[in-house]
N, C-alpha and C. Protein backbone atom coordinates (compact mmCIF):
# COMPACT_ATOMS: atom_id res chain seq x y z
N MET A 1 3.78 -15.68 -5.43
CA MET A 1 2.58 -15.16 -6.03
C MET A 1 2.87 -13.95 -6.77
N ASP A 2 2.29 -13.93 -8.10
CA ASP A 2 2.74 -12.76 -8.77
C ASP A 2 1.82 -11.48 -8.38
N LEU A 3 2.21 -10.36 -8.68
CA LEU A 3 1.62 -9.15 -8.09
C LEU A 3 0.16 -8.95 -8.63
N GLN A 4 -0.19 -9.33 -9.84
CA GLN A 4 -1.46 -9.28 -10.28
C GLN A 4 -2.50 -9.96 -9.41
N LEU A 5 -2.13 -11.42 -9.08
CA LEU A 5 -2.82 -12.20 -8.20
C LEU A 5 -2.96 -11.44 -6.86
N ARG A 6 -1.91 -11.05 -6.40
CA ARG A 6 -2.00 -10.59 -5.11
C ARG A 6 -2.93 -9.24 -4.91
N ALA A 7 -2.93 -8.49 -6.14
CA ALA A 7 -3.71 -7.26 -6.08
C ALA A 7 -5.15 -7.82 -6.09
N LYS A 8 -5.51 -8.88 -6.98
CA LYS A 8 -6.83 -9.11 -7.22
C LYS A 8 -7.34 -9.68 -5.99
N GLU A 9 -6.63 -10.46 -5.03
CA GLU A 9 -7.04 -10.92 -3.84
C GLU A 9 -7.16 -9.92 -2.82
N TYR A 10 -6.33 -8.79 -2.85
CA TYR A 10 -6.47 -7.79 -1.85
C TYR A 10 -7.84 -7.09 -2.17
N LEU A 11 -7.93 -6.72 -3.41
CA LEU A 11 -9.28 -5.94 -3.81
C LEU A 11 -10.39 -6.81 -3.26
N LYS A 12 -10.38 -8.07 -3.61
CA LYS A 12 -11.61 -8.86 -3.22
C LYS A 12 -11.76 -8.84 -1.62
N ARG A 13 -10.68 -9.33 -1.03
CA ARG A 13 -10.67 -9.40 0.39
C ARG A 13 -11.21 -8.31 1.24
N TYR A 14 -10.84 -7.01 0.68
CA TYR A 14 -11.44 -5.71 1.39
C TYR A 14 -12.46 -5.03 0.86
N GLY A 15 -12.80 -5.55 -0.29
CA GLY A 15 -14.07 -4.81 -0.98
C GLY A 15 -13.71 -3.56 -1.55
N ILE A 16 -12.56 -3.41 -2.10
CA ILE A 16 -12.06 -2.15 -2.68
C ILE A 16 -12.26 -2.28 -4.18
N LYS A 17 -12.68 -1.12 -4.74
CA LYS A 17 -13.01 -1.11 -6.14
C LYS A 17 -11.69 -0.88 -6.92
N LYS A 18 -11.64 -1.52 -8.07
CA LYS A 18 -10.62 -1.28 -9.04
C LYS A 18 -10.49 0.05 -9.42
N LYS A 19 -11.54 0.79 -9.43
CA LYS A 19 -11.46 2.23 -9.81
C LYS A 19 -10.57 3.13 -8.81
N TYR A 20 -10.65 2.60 -7.66
CA TYR A 20 -9.97 3.37 -6.44
C TYR A 20 -8.47 3.13 -6.77
N LEU A 21 -8.09 1.75 -6.83
CA LEU A 21 -6.55 1.34 -7.06
C LEU A 21 -6.18 2.01 -8.42
N ALA A 22 -6.88 2.10 -9.51
CA ALA A 22 -6.52 2.67 -10.64
C ALA A 22 -6.17 4.10 -10.52
N SER A 23 -6.98 4.92 -9.63
CA SER A 23 -6.82 6.25 -9.37
C SER A 23 -5.47 6.52 -8.59
N LEU A 24 -5.17 5.56 -7.73
CA LEU A 24 -3.84 5.63 -6.94
C LEU A 24 -2.60 5.45 -7.77
N VAL A 25 -2.82 4.68 -8.64
CA VAL A 25 -1.64 4.24 -9.78
C VAL A 25 -1.57 5.31 -10.77
N GLY A 26 -2.70 6.07 -11.12
CA GLY A 26 -2.74 7.21 -12.00
C GLY A 26 -2.93 6.61 -13.39
N ILE A 27 -3.79 5.61 -13.52
CA ILE A 27 -4.24 4.88 -14.87
C ILE A 27 -5.70 4.83 -14.90
N TYR A 28 -6.28 4.54 -16.13
CA TYR A 28 -7.68 4.32 -16.23
C TYR A 28 -8.00 2.93 -15.62
N PRO A 29 -9.36 2.71 -15.31
CA PRO A 29 -9.63 1.53 -14.66
C PRO A 29 -9.45 0.40 -15.58
N SER A 30 -9.80 0.75 -16.97
CA SER A 30 -9.83 -0.21 -17.92
C SER A 30 -8.13 -0.78 -18.24
N GLN A 31 -7.27 0.10 -17.91
CA GLN A 31 -5.92 -0.22 -18.08
C GLN A 31 -5.46 -1.26 -16.82
N LEU A 32 -6.08 -0.83 -15.73
CA LEU A 32 -5.82 -1.68 -14.43
C LEU A 32 -6.48 -3.03 -14.71
N SER A 33 -7.67 -3.12 -15.33
CA SER A 33 -8.16 -4.53 -15.54
C SER A 33 -7.34 -5.25 -16.65
N GLN A 34 -6.84 -4.49 -17.58
CA GLN A 34 -5.95 -5.10 -18.56
C GLN A 34 -4.69 -5.80 -17.95
N TRP A 35 -4.08 -4.89 -16.98
CA TRP A 35 -2.98 -5.24 -16.36
C TRP A 35 -3.29 -6.45 -15.43
N LEU A 36 -4.29 -6.51 -14.86
CA LEU A 36 -4.84 -7.65 -13.90
C LEU A 36 -4.84 -8.85 -14.76
N SER A 37 -5.30 -8.89 -16.09
CA SER A 37 -5.24 -9.96 -16.89
C SER A 37 -4.03 -10.41 -17.60
N GLY A 38 -3.04 -9.45 -17.46
CA GLY A 38 -1.70 -9.73 -18.04
C GLY A 38 -1.53 -9.24 -19.40
N ASP A 39 -2.53 -8.09 -19.71
CA ASP A 39 -2.45 -7.55 -21.18
C ASP A 39 -2.03 -5.98 -21.16
N TYR A 40 -1.20 -5.67 -20.06
CA TYR A 40 -0.88 -4.29 -20.02
C TYR A 40 0.31 -4.20 -18.97
N ASP A 41 1.33 -3.40 -19.43
CA ASP A 41 2.44 -3.32 -18.65
C ASP A 41 2.55 -1.99 -17.94
N LEU A 42 2.77 -2.05 -16.63
CA LEU A 42 3.03 -0.83 -15.85
C LEU A 42 4.37 -0.48 -15.71
N ASN A 43 4.64 0.71 -15.41
CA ASN A 43 6.03 1.33 -15.32
C ASN A 43 6.52 0.94 -13.75
N THR A 44 7.77 1.11 -13.50
CA THR A 44 8.36 0.87 -12.17
C THR A 44 7.57 1.48 -11.13
N ASN A 45 7.37 2.76 -11.27
CA ASN A 45 6.65 3.55 -10.16
C ASN A 45 5.24 3.09 -9.91
N GLN A 46 4.61 2.76 -10.90
CA GLN A 46 3.17 2.22 -10.74
C GLN A 46 3.15 0.89 -10.21
N ILE A 47 4.19 -0.07 -10.33
CA ILE A 47 4.36 -1.26 -9.79
C ILE A 47 4.63 -1.10 -8.24
N LYS A 48 5.42 -0.05 -7.82
CA LYS A 48 5.79 0.28 -6.68
C LYS A 48 4.48 0.70 -5.83
N ILE A 49 3.70 1.41 -6.47
CA ILE A 49 2.36 1.90 -5.83
C ILE A 49 1.45 0.82 -5.52
N ILE A 50 1.48 -0.22 -6.36
CA ILE A 50 0.57 -1.48 -6.21
C ILE A 50 1.22 -2.34 -5.10
N GLU A 51 2.42 -2.49 -5.11
CA GLU A 51 3.09 -3.31 -4.06
C GLU A 51 2.89 -2.64 -2.57
N ASP A 52 3.12 -1.49 -2.51
CA ASP A 52 2.78 -0.64 -1.29
C ASP A 52 1.41 -0.97 -0.85
N PHE A 53 0.33 -0.77 -1.81
CA PHE A 53 -0.98 -0.85 -1.60
C PHE A 53 -1.43 -2.28 -0.98
N CYS A 54 -0.66 -3.17 -1.72
CA CYS A 54 -0.99 -4.72 -1.17
C CYS A 54 -0.36 -5.08 0.15
N ASN A 55 0.66 -4.30 0.50
CA ASN A 55 1.38 -4.54 1.85
C ASN A 55 0.75 -3.62 2.86
N GLY A 56 -0.37 -2.86 2.56
CA GLY A 56 -1.09 -2.16 3.47
C GLY A 56 -0.39 -0.88 3.72
N LYS A 57 0.39 -0.53 2.89
CA LYS A 57 1.09 0.93 3.08
C LYS A 57 0.44 2.14 2.62
N SER A 58 -0.78 1.74 2.12
CA SER A 58 -1.56 2.96 1.49
C SER A 58 -2.91 3.07 2.27
N GLN A 59 -3.26 4.10 2.60
CA GLN A 59 -4.41 4.40 3.28
C GLN A 59 -5.73 4.21 2.34
N TYR A 60 -6.76 3.43 2.71
CA TYR A 60 -7.79 3.42 1.90
C TYR A 60 -9.05 3.82 2.69
N THR A 61 -9.73 4.82 2.08
CA THR A 61 -11.01 5.45 2.71
C THR A 61 -12.04 5.51 1.46
N GLU A 62 -12.95 4.72 1.81
CA GLU A 62 -14.27 4.78 0.89
C GLU A 62 -14.91 6.05 1.15
N LEU A 63 -15.45 6.70 0.14
CA LEU A 63 -16.41 7.94 0.33
C LEU A 63 -17.60 7.42 0.06
N ASN A 64 -18.58 7.59 0.78
CA ASN A 64 -19.87 7.16 0.56
C ASN A 64 -20.71 8.49 0.21
């Protein structure tokens, strides 16, 4: 399974907003959306952050 699909499913499964993941990666939410649709390339460090996130190695705390 490619990383974009894994990331989409992870966000959906846990109800995490794309805005949060974009902030972890250090990109704009619009860039994350473009990457999820295959229209934007991330660098190696950004890919590692998303891989760690999808593998549960990143803490997620939603601020209400």
